[in-house]
């Protein structure tokens, strides 16, 4: 869990998520990337674990807090203070931005099952994915070639 003091919040009040200048702010970019794979409601500590397990990136707690503070300032997440830590919830604005960003990154593929044809979200480093509607597992490269 990460405790963010009031003065730290003000100190880390950096520019917010914007598709054009997204990569310039590393902590924010990393927090956003980790949030793509976290639940709708989460603790800040979850993002550090996801970044380490999925990408091998070790960030200090203050760096993760920096990214979350920036996302909070632009209403991408809401937060609730519980015993000196924060519980975060993604907003509709966050989900809309994620959808647009994933489309740009080619992050959606269509399920090859004729009966299903569902749009499935794909992680950046994944070669194989599965459809949560029909349960079929498929190779992403084969689907993109079609």
N, C-alpha and C. Protein backbone atom coordinates (compact mmCIF):
# COMPACT_ATOMS: atom_id res chain seq x y z
N UNK A 1 0.84 -1.18 0.00
CA UNK A 1 0.00 0.00 0.00
C UNK A 1 0.89 1.25 0.00
N UNK A 2 0.40 2.28 -0.64
CA UNK A 2 1.18 3.51 -0.74
C UNK A 2 0.46 4.63 0.00
N UNK A 3 1.19 5.30 0.84
CA UNK A 3 0.62 6.45 1.53
C UNK A 3 1.11 7.70 0.81
N UNK A 4 0.19 8.55 0.37
CA UNK A 4 0.57 9.77 -0.34
C UNK A 4 0.24 10.95 0.56
N UNK A 5 1.27 11.66 0.97
CA UNK A 5 1.05 12.84 1.81
C UNK A 5 0.52 13.98 0.95
N UNK A 6 -0.13 14.95 1.58
CA UNK A 6 -0.73 16.07 0.86
C UNK A 6 0.31 16.84 0.06
N UNK A 7 1.48 17.12 0.65
CA UNK A 7 2.50 17.88 -0.07
C UNK A 7 3.06 17.09 -1.25
N UNK A 8 3.10 15.76 -1.17
CA UNK A 8 3.55 14.95 -2.30
C UNK A 8 2.57 15.07 -3.46
N UNK A 9 1.28 15.08 -3.14
CA UNK A 9 0.27 15.23 -4.19
C UNK A 9 0.50 16.50 -4.98
N UNK A 10 0.73 17.60 -4.26
CA UNK A 10 0.94 18.88 -4.94
C UNK A 10 2.26 18.88 -5.71
N UNK A 11 3.28 18.24 -5.15
CA UNK A 11 4.58 18.19 -5.80
C UNK A 11 4.52 17.42 -7.12
N UNK A 12 3.73 16.33 -7.14
CA UNK A 12 3.67 15.49 -8.33
C UNK A 12 2.53 15.87 -9.28
N UNK A 13 2.05 17.08 -9.19
CA UNK A 13 0.96 17.54 -10.04
C UNK A 13 1.51 17.88 -11.43
N UNK A 14 1.75 16.84 -12.23
CA UNK A 14 2.35 16.99 -13.56
C UNK A 14 1.28 16.91 -14.64
N UNK A 15 1.63 17.19 -15.91
CA UNK A 15 0.63 17.11 -16.99
C UNK A 15 -0.05 15.75 -17.06
N UNK A 16 -1.28 15.75 -17.54
CA UNK A 16 -2.11 14.55 -17.49
C UNK A 16 -2.00 13.72 -18.75
N UNK A 17 -2.71 12.59 -18.77
CA UNK A 17 -2.68 11.67 -19.90
C UNK A 17 -3.17 12.37 -21.15
N UNK A 18 -2.37 12.31 -22.18
CA UNK A 18 -2.74 12.86 -23.48
C UNK A 18 -2.05 11.99 -24.50
N UNK A 19 -2.76 11.55 -25.52
CA UNK A 19 -2.17 10.62 -26.48
C UNK A 19 -0.93 11.19 -27.15
N UNK A 20 -0.87 12.52 -27.34
CA UNK A 20 0.26 13.12 -28.04
C UNK A 20 1.53 13.12 -27.20
N UNK A 21 1.41 13.45 -25.92
CA UNK A 21 2.60 13.56 -25.08
C UNK A 21 2.67 12.44 -24.05
N UNK A 22 2.07 11.32 -24.38
CA UNK A 22 1.92 10.23 -23.43
C UNK A 22 3.26 9.68 -22.95
N UNK A 23 4.19 9.45 -23.87
CA UNK A 23 5.44 8.76 -23.52
C UNK A 23 6.43 9.66 -22.79
N UNK A 24 6.15 10.95 -22.67
CA UNK A 24 7.12 11.84 -22.04
C UNK A 24 7.16 11.68 -20.52
N UNK A 25 6.08 11.17 -19.93
CA UNK A 25 5.99 11.08 -18.48
C UNK A 25 6.04 9.62 -18.07
N UNK A 26 7.22 9.12 -17.77
CA UNK A 26 7.40 7.70 -17.52
C UNK A 26 6.53 7.14 -16.40
N UNK A 27 6.50 7.73 -15.21
CA UNK A 27 5.69 7.14 -14.14
C UNK A 27 4.22 7.05 -14.52
N UNK A 28 3.72 8.10 -15.17
CA UNK A 28 2.32 8.12 -15.58
C UNK A 28 2.06 7.06 -16.64
N UNK A 29 2.96 6.97 -17.60
CA UNK A 29 2.84 5.98 -18.66
C UNK A 29 2.83 4.57 -18.07
N UNK A 30 3.73 4.31 -17.11
CA UNK A 30 3.81 2.99 -16.50
C UNK A 30 2.56 2.69 -15.68
N UNK A 31 2.06 3.68 -14.94
CA UNK A 31 0.85 3.47 -14.14
C UNK A 31 -0.32 3.17 -15.06
N UNK A 32 -0.41 3.88 -16.15
CA UNK A 32 -1.51 3.69 -17.11
C UNK A 32 -1.43 2.30 -17.72
N UNK A 33 -0.21 1.90 -18.09
CA UNK A 33 0.01 0.59 -18.71
C UNK A 33 -0.38 -0.53 -17.74
N UNK A 34 0.01 -0.38 -16.48
CA UNK A 34 -0.33 -1.40 -15.49
C UNK A 34 -1.82 -1.43 -15.23
N UNK A 35 -2.47 -0.28 -15.30
CA UNK A 35 -3.91 -0.22 -15.05
C UNK A 35 -4.72 -0.92 -16.13
N UNK A 36 -4.14 -1.07 -17.32
CA UNK A 36 -4.85 -1.79 -18.38
C UNK A 36 -5.15 -3.22 -17.95
N UNK A 37 -4.33 -3.77 -17.06
CA UNK A 37 -4.47 -5.17 -16.68
C UNK A 37 -4.91 -5.34 -15.23
N UNK A 38 -5.33 -4.25 -14.59
CA UNK A 38 -5.81 -4.38 -13.21
C UNK A 38 -7.33 -4.26 -13.19
N UNK A 39 -7.92 -4.63 -12.06
CA UNK A 39 -9.38 -4.60 -11.92
C UNK A 39 -9.88 -3.16 -11.89
N UNK A 40 -11.19 -3.00 -11.97
CA UNK A 40 -11.77 -1.66 -11.93
C UNK A 40 -11.52 -0.97 -10.60
N UNK A 41 -11.54 -1.73 -9.50
CA UNK A 41 -11.20 -1.18 -8.19
C UNK A 41 -9.89 -1.82 -7.75
N UNK A 42 -8.93 -1.02 -7.31
CA UNK A 42 -7.61 -1.56 -7.00
C UNK A 42 -6.90 -0.68 -5.98
N UNK A 43 -5.83 -1.22 -5.40
CA UNK A 43 -4.94 -0.47 -4.51
C UNK A 43 -3.72 -0.08 -5.31
N UNK A 44 -3.07 0.98 -4.91
CA UNK A 44 -1.88 1.45 -5.63
C UNK A 44 -0.79 0.38 -5.65
N UNK A 45 -0.68 -0.40 -4.57
CA UNK A 45 0.35 -1.45 -4.51
C UNK A 45 0.17 -2.50 -5.59
N UNK A 46 -1.08 -2.70 -6.05
CA UNK A 46 -1.33 -3.68 -7.11
C UNK A 46 -0.59 -3.31 -8.39
N UNK A 47 -0.52 -2.01 -8.68
CA UNK A 47 0.11 -1.58 -9.93
C UNK A 47 1.60 -1.88 -9.93
N UNK A 48 2.25 -1.69 -8.78
CA UNK A 48 3.66 -2.01 -8.68
C UNK A 48 3.92 -3.48 -8.95
N UNK A 49 3.06 -4.35 -8.42
CA UNK A 49 3.19 -5.79 -8.66
C UNK A 49 3.00 -6.13 -10.14
N UNK A 50 1.98 -5.54 -10.76
CA UNK A 50 1.70 -5.81 -12.17
C UNK A 50 2.88 -5.37 -13.04
N UNK A 51 3.41 -4.18 -12.75
CA UNK A 51 4.55 -3.68 -13.54
C UNK A 51 5.74 -4.61 -13.42
N UNK A 52 5.98 -5.12 -12.22
CA UNK A 52 7.13 -5.99 -12.02
C UNK A 52 6.92 -7.35 -12.68
N UNK A 53 5.75 -7.96 -12.47
CA UNK A 53 5.49 -9.29 -13.01
C UNK A 53 5.36 -9.29 -14.53
N UNK A 54 4.66 -8.30 -15.06
CA UNK A 54 4.34 -8.31 -16.49
C UNK A 54 5.46 -7.71 -17.34
N UNK A 55 6.09 -6.63 -16.84
CA UNK A 55 7.09 -5.92 -17.64
C UNK A 55 8.50 -5.99 -17.07
N UNK A 56 8.66 -6.48 -15.83
CA UNK A 56 9.98 -6.52 -15.20
C UNK A 56 10.47 -5.15 -14.78
N UNK A 57 9.56 -4.20 -14.60
CA UNK A 57 9.92 -2.83 -14.24
C UNK A 57 9.75 -2.65 -12.74
N UNK A 58 10.81 -2.20 -12.09
CA UNK A 58 10.72 -1.91 -10.66
C UNK A 58 10.68 -0.40 -10.48
N UNK A 59 9.57 0.12 -9.99
CA UNK A 59 9.44 1.54 -9.70
C UNK A 59 9.33 1.74 -8.21
N UNK A 60 9.85 2.87 -7.73
CA UNK A 60 9.66 3.21 -6.32
C UNK A 60 8.18 3.52 -6.09
N UNK A 61 7.69 3.30 -4.89
CA UNK A 61 6.28 3.62 -4.59
C UNK A 61 5.92 5.06 -4.94
N UNK A 62 6.86 5.99 -4.76
CA UNK A 62 6.56 7.39 -5.08
C UNK A 62 6.34 7.58 -6.57
N UNK A 63 7.01 6.78 -7.41
CA UNK A 63 6.82 6.89 -8.86
C UNK A 63 5.43 6.41 -9.27
N UNK A 64 4.98 5.31 -8.67
CA UNK A 64 3.63 4.81 -8.95
C UNK A 64 2.62 5.84 -8.46
N UNK A 65 2.87 6.40 -7.28
CA UNK A 65 1.98 7.42 -6.73
C UNK A 65 1.92 8.65 -7.63
N UNK A 66 3.05 8.99 -8.23
CA UNK A 66 3.12 10.12 -9.15
C UNK A 66 2.18 9.92 -10.33
N UNK A 67 2.25 8.73 -10.92
CA UNK A 67 1.39 8.42 -12.06
C UNK A 67 -0.08 8.42 -11.69
N UNK A 68 -0.40 7.83 -10.54
CA UNK A 68 -1.80 7.79 -10.11
C UNK A 68 -2.33 9.18 -9.78
N UNK A 69 -1.47 10.02 -9.22
CA UNK A 69 -1.88 11.38 -8.90
C UNK A 69 -2.21 12.15 -10.17
N UNK A 70 -1.42 11.94 -11.21
CA UNK A 70 -1.69 12.61 -12.49
C UNK A 70 -2.99 12.11 -13.10
N UNK A 71 -3.23 10.81 -13.02
CA UNK A 71 -4.47 10.25 -13.56
C UNK A 71 -5.68 10.75 -12.77
N UNK A 72 -5.51 10.90 -11.46
CA UNK A 72 -6.59 11.40 -10.61
C UNK A 72 -6.92 12.85 -10.94
N UNK A 73 -5.90 13.65 -11.20
CA UNK A 73 -6.12 15.07 -11.50
C UNK A 73 -6.94 15.29 -12.76
N UNK A 74 -6.89 14.36 -13.69
CA UNK A 74 -7.67 14.49 -14.92
C UNK A 74 -8.92 13.61 -14.92
N UNK A 75 -9.34 13.17 -13.73
CA UNK A 75 -10.57 12.38 -13.56
C UNK A 75 -10.55 11.04 -14.29
N UNK A 76 -9.38 10.43 -14.48
CA UNK A 76 -9.31 9.08 -15.03
C UNK A 76 -9.59 8.05 -13.94
N UNK A 77 -9.29 8.42 -12.70
CA UNK A 77 -9.60 7.54 -11.57
C UNK A 77 -10.19 8.38 -10.43
N UNK A 78 -11.00 7.73 -9.60
CA UNK A 78 -11.45 8.37 -8.37
C UNK A 78 -10.77 7.62 -7.23
N UNK A 79 -10.65 8.27 -6.09
CA UNK A 79 -10.00 7.57 -4.99
C UNK A 79 -10.72 7.82 -3.68
N UNK A 80 -10.53 6.87 -2.79
CA UNK A 80 -11.18 6.91 -1.48
C UNK A 80 -10.11 6.58 -0.45
N UNK A 81 -9.97 7.41 0.56
CA UNK A 81 -8.94 7.19 1.56
C UNK A 81 -9.44 6.23 2.63
N UNK A 82 -8.67 5.17 2.86
CA UNK A 82 -9.00 4.19 3.89
C UNK A 82 -7.74 3.93 4.72
N UNK A 83 -7.74 4.35 5.95
CA UNK A 83 -6.62 4.11 6.87
C UNK A 83 -5.26 4.47 6.27
N UNK A 84 -5.10 5.71 5.88
CA UNK A 84 -3.84 6.25 5.35
C UNK A 84 -3.40 5.68 4.01
N UNK A 85 -4.25 4.94 3.33
CA UNK A 85 -3.94 4.49 1.97
C UNK A 85 -5.14 4.83 1.09
N UNK A 86 -4.96 4.72 -0.21
CA UNK A 86 -6.04 5.05 -1.13
C UNK A 86 -6.54 3.82 -1.88
N UNK A 87 -7.84 3.76 -2.06
CA UNK A 87 -8.47 2.77 -2.92
C UNK A 87 -8.89 3.51 -4.18
N UNK A 88 -8.51 3.00 -5.35
CA UNK A 88 -8.78 3.69 -6.62
C UNK A 88 -9.86 2.96 -7.42
N UNK A 89 -10.64 3.72 -8.18
CA UNK A 89 -11.65 3.16 -9.07
C UNK A 89 -11.53 3.86 -10.41
N UNK A 90 -11.52 3.08 -11.49
CA UNK A 90 -11.45 3.66 -12.83
C UNK A 90 -12.78 4.32 -13.18
N UNK A 91 -12.72 5.42 -13.95
CA UNK A 91 -13.93 6.12 -14.36
C UNK A 91 -14.26 5.80 -15.81
N UNK A 92 -15.43 6.25 -16.25
CA UNK A 92 -15.81 6.04 -17.66
C UNK A 92 -14.83 6.74 -18.59
N UNK A 93 -14.35 7.90 -18.17
CA UNK A 93 -13.38 8.64 -18.98
C UNK A 93 -12.12 7.79 -19.20
N UNK A 94 -11.70 7.07 -18.15
CA UNK A 94 -10.54 6.19 -18.27
C UNK A 94 -10.80 5.07 -19.28
N UNK A 95 -11.98 4.44 -19.18
CA UNK A 95 -12.30 3.33 -20.08
C UNK A 95 -12.38 3.80 -21.53
N UNK A 96 -12.94 4.99 -21.76
CA UNK A 96 -13.01 5.54 -23.12
C UNK A 96 -11.61 5.80 -23.67
N UNK A 97 -10.74 6.40 -22.84
CA UNK A 97 -9.37 6.68 -23.26
C UNK A 97 -8.62 5.38 -23.54
N UNK A 98 -8.85 4.37 -22.71
CA UNK A 98 -8.20 3.08 -22.90
C UNK A 98 -8.61 2.45 -24.22
N UNK A 99 -9.91 2.50 -24.51
CA UNK A 99 -10.42 1.92 -25.75
C UNK A 99 -9.77 2.59 -26.97
N UNK A 100 -9.71 3.92 -26.95
CA UNK A 100 -9.10 4.66 -28.07
C UNK A 100 -7.62 4.31 -28.20
N UNK A 101 -6.92 4.26 -27.05
CA UNK A 101 -5.49 3.99 -27.06
C UNK A 101 -5.21 2.58 -27.57
N UNK A 102 -6.02 1.61 -27.12
CA UNK A 102 -5.81 0.22 -27.54
C UNK A 102 -6.09 0.07 -29.04
N UNK A 103 -7.06 0.82 -29.56
CA UNK A 103 -7.32 0.76 -31.00
C UNK A 103 -6.11 1.25 -31.78
N UNK A 104 -5.49 2.36 -31.31
CA UNK A 104 -4.29 2.89 -31.96
C UNK A 104 -3.15 1.89 -31.91
N UNK A 105 -3.03 1.18 -30.79
CA UNK A 105 -1.95 0.21 -30.62
C UNK A 105 -2.27 -1.12 -31.30
N UNK A 106 -3.44 -1.24 -31.90
CA UNK A 106 -3.85 -2.51 -32.50
C UNK A 106 -4.16 -3.54 -31.43
N UNK A 107 -4.73 -3.10 -30.32
CA UNK A 107 -4.93 -3.96 -29.17
C UNK A 107 -6.20 -4.78 -29.16
N UNK A 108 -7.00 -4.72 -30.23
CA UNK A 108 -8.21 -5.53 -30.30
C UNK A 108 -8.14 -6.45 -31.51
N UNK A 109 -8.53 -7.70 -31.34
CA UNK A 109 -8.67 -8.64 -32.45
C UNK A 109 -10.05 -9.28 -32.36
N UNK A 110 -10.54 -9.77 -33.49
CA UNK A 110 -11.85 -10.41 -33.51
C UNK A 110 -11.69 -11.90 -33.33
N UNK A 111 -12.53 -12.50 -32.51
CA UNK A 111 -12.50 -13.94 -32.26
C UNK A 111 -12.78 -14.68 -33.57
N UNK A 112 -11.95 -15.70 -33.91
CA UNK A 112 -12.13 -16.42 -35.18
C UNK A 112 -13.34 -17.35 -35.21
N UNK A 113 -13.95 -17.62 -34.06
CA UNK A 113 -15.12 -18.49 -34.00
C UNK A 113 -16.29 -17.82 -34.74
N UNK A 114 -16.84 -18.52 -35.74
CA UNK A 114 -17.91 -17.95 -36.57
C UNK A 114 -19.14 -17.56 -35.75
N UNK A 115 -19.46 -18.35 -34.73
CA UNK A 115 -20.65 -18.08 -33.92
C UNK A 115 -20.44 -16.91 -32.96
N UNK A 116 -19.19 -16.60 -32.65
CA UNK A 116 -18.90 -15.60 -31.62
C UNK A 116 -18.59 -14.22 -32.22
N UNK A 117 -17.48 -14.12 -32.93
CA UNK A 117 -17.01 -12.87 -33.56
C UNK A 117 -16.91 -11.70 -32.58
N UNK A 118 -16.52 -12.00 -31.34
CA UNK A 118 -16.39 -10.96 -30.32
C UNK A 118 -15.06 -10.22 -30.46
N UNK A 119 -15.02 -8.95 -30.11
CA UNK A 119 -13.80 -8.17 -30.12
C UNK A 119 -13.07 -8.43 -28.80
N UNK A 120 -11.83 -8.93 -28.89
CA UNK A 120 -11.07 -9.35 -27.71
C UNK A 120 -9.87 -8.42 -27.52
N UNK A 121 -9.67 -7.93 -26.29
CA UNK A 121 -8.53 -7.06 -26.00
C UNK A 121 -7.27 -7.90 -25.84
N UNK A 122 -6.16 -7.38 -26.37
CA UNK A 122 -4.90 -8.13 -26.36
C UNK A 122 -3.82 -7.30 -25.66
N UNK A 123 -3.02 -7.94 -24.81
CA UNK A 123 -1.90 -7.27 -24.16
C UNK A 123 -0.78 -7.01 -25.15
N UNK A 124 0.16 -6.12 -24.78
CA UNK A 124 1.21 -5.71 -25.70
C UNK A 124 2.20 -6.82 -26.01
N UNK A 125 2.45 -7.70 -25.05
CA UNK A 125 3.48 -8.72 -25.23
C UNK A 125 2.90 -10.11 -25.46
N UNK A 126 1.61 -10.20 -25.75
CA UNK A 126 0.98 -11.51 -25.88
C UNK A 126 1.01 -12.02 -27.31
N UNK A 127 1.24 -13.33 -27.46
CA UNK A 127 1.22 -13.97 -28.77
C UNK A 127 -0.07 -14.77 -28.95
N UNK A 128 -0.61 -15.25 -27.83
CA UNK A 128 -1.83 -16.06 -27.84
C UNK A 128 -2.82 -15.44 -26.86
N UNK A 129 -4.08 -15.45 -27.22
CA UNK A 129 -5.11 -14.95 -26.30
C UNK A 129 -6.32 -15.86 -26.34
N UNK A 130 -7.30 -15.58 -25.49
CA UNK A 130 -8.50 -16.40 -25.47
C UNK A 130 -9.72 -15.49 -25.38
N UNK A 131 -10.84 -15.98 -25.89
CA UNK A 131 -12.09 -15.24 -25.90
C UNK A 131 -12.86 -15.59 -24.63
N UNK A 132 -13.26 -14.57 -23.87
CA UNK A 132 -13.97 -14.85 -22.62
C UNK A 132 -15.44 -15.18 -22.84
N UNK A 133 -15.94 -15.02 -24.07
CA UNK A 133 -17.34 -15.36 -24.34
C UNK A 133 -17.49 -16.83 -24.70
N UNK A 134 -16.72 -17.29 -25.73
CA UNK A 134 -16.86 -18.68 -26.17
C UNK A 134 -15.77 -19.59 -25.61
N UNK A 135 -14.66 -18.99 -25.09
CA UNK A 135 -13.62 -19.79 -24.46
C UNK A 135 -12.55 -20.33 -25.39
N UNK A 136 -12.61 -19.99 -26.68
CA UNK A 136 -11.61 -20.53 -27.61
C UNK A 136 -10.28 -19.79 -27.47
N UNK A 137 -9.18 -20.52 -27.65
CA UNK A 137 -7.84 -19.97 -27.57
C UNK A 137 -7.31 -19.86 -28.99
N UNK A 138 -6.69 -18.72 -29.33
CA UNK A 138 -6.20 -18.56 -30.70
C UNK A 138 -4.93 -17.73 -30.75
N UNK A 139 -4.18 -17.94 -31.84
CA UNK A 139 -2.92 -17.23 -32.07
C UNK A 139 -3.25 -15.87 -32.69
N UNK A 140 -2.71 -14.81 -32.13
CA UNK A 140 -3.04 -13.46 -32.58
C UNK A 140 -2.54 -13.20 -33.99
N UNK A 141 -1.33 -13.70 -34.31
CA UNK A 141 -0.76 -13.45 -35.64
C UNK A 141 -1.64 -14.03 -36.75
N UNK A 142 -2.20 -15.21 -36.52
CA UNK A 142 -3.07 -15.84 -37.52
C UNK A 142 -4.33 -15.02 -37.74
N UNK A 143 -4.88 -14.49 -36.68
CA UNK A 143 -6.12 -13.71 -36.78
C UNK A 143 -5.86 -12.38 -37.49
N UNK A 144 -4.72 -11.73 -37.21
CA UNK A 144 -4.41 -10.44 -37.83
C UNK A 144 -4.15 -10.58 -39.32
N UNK A 145 -3.64 -11.74 -39.77
CA UNK A 145 -3.36 -11.95 -41.19
C UNK A 145 -4.63 -12.07 -42.02
N UNK A 146 -5.71 -12.56 -41.39
CA UNK A 146 -6.96 -12.79 -42.14
C UNK A 146 -7.57 -11.50 -42.66
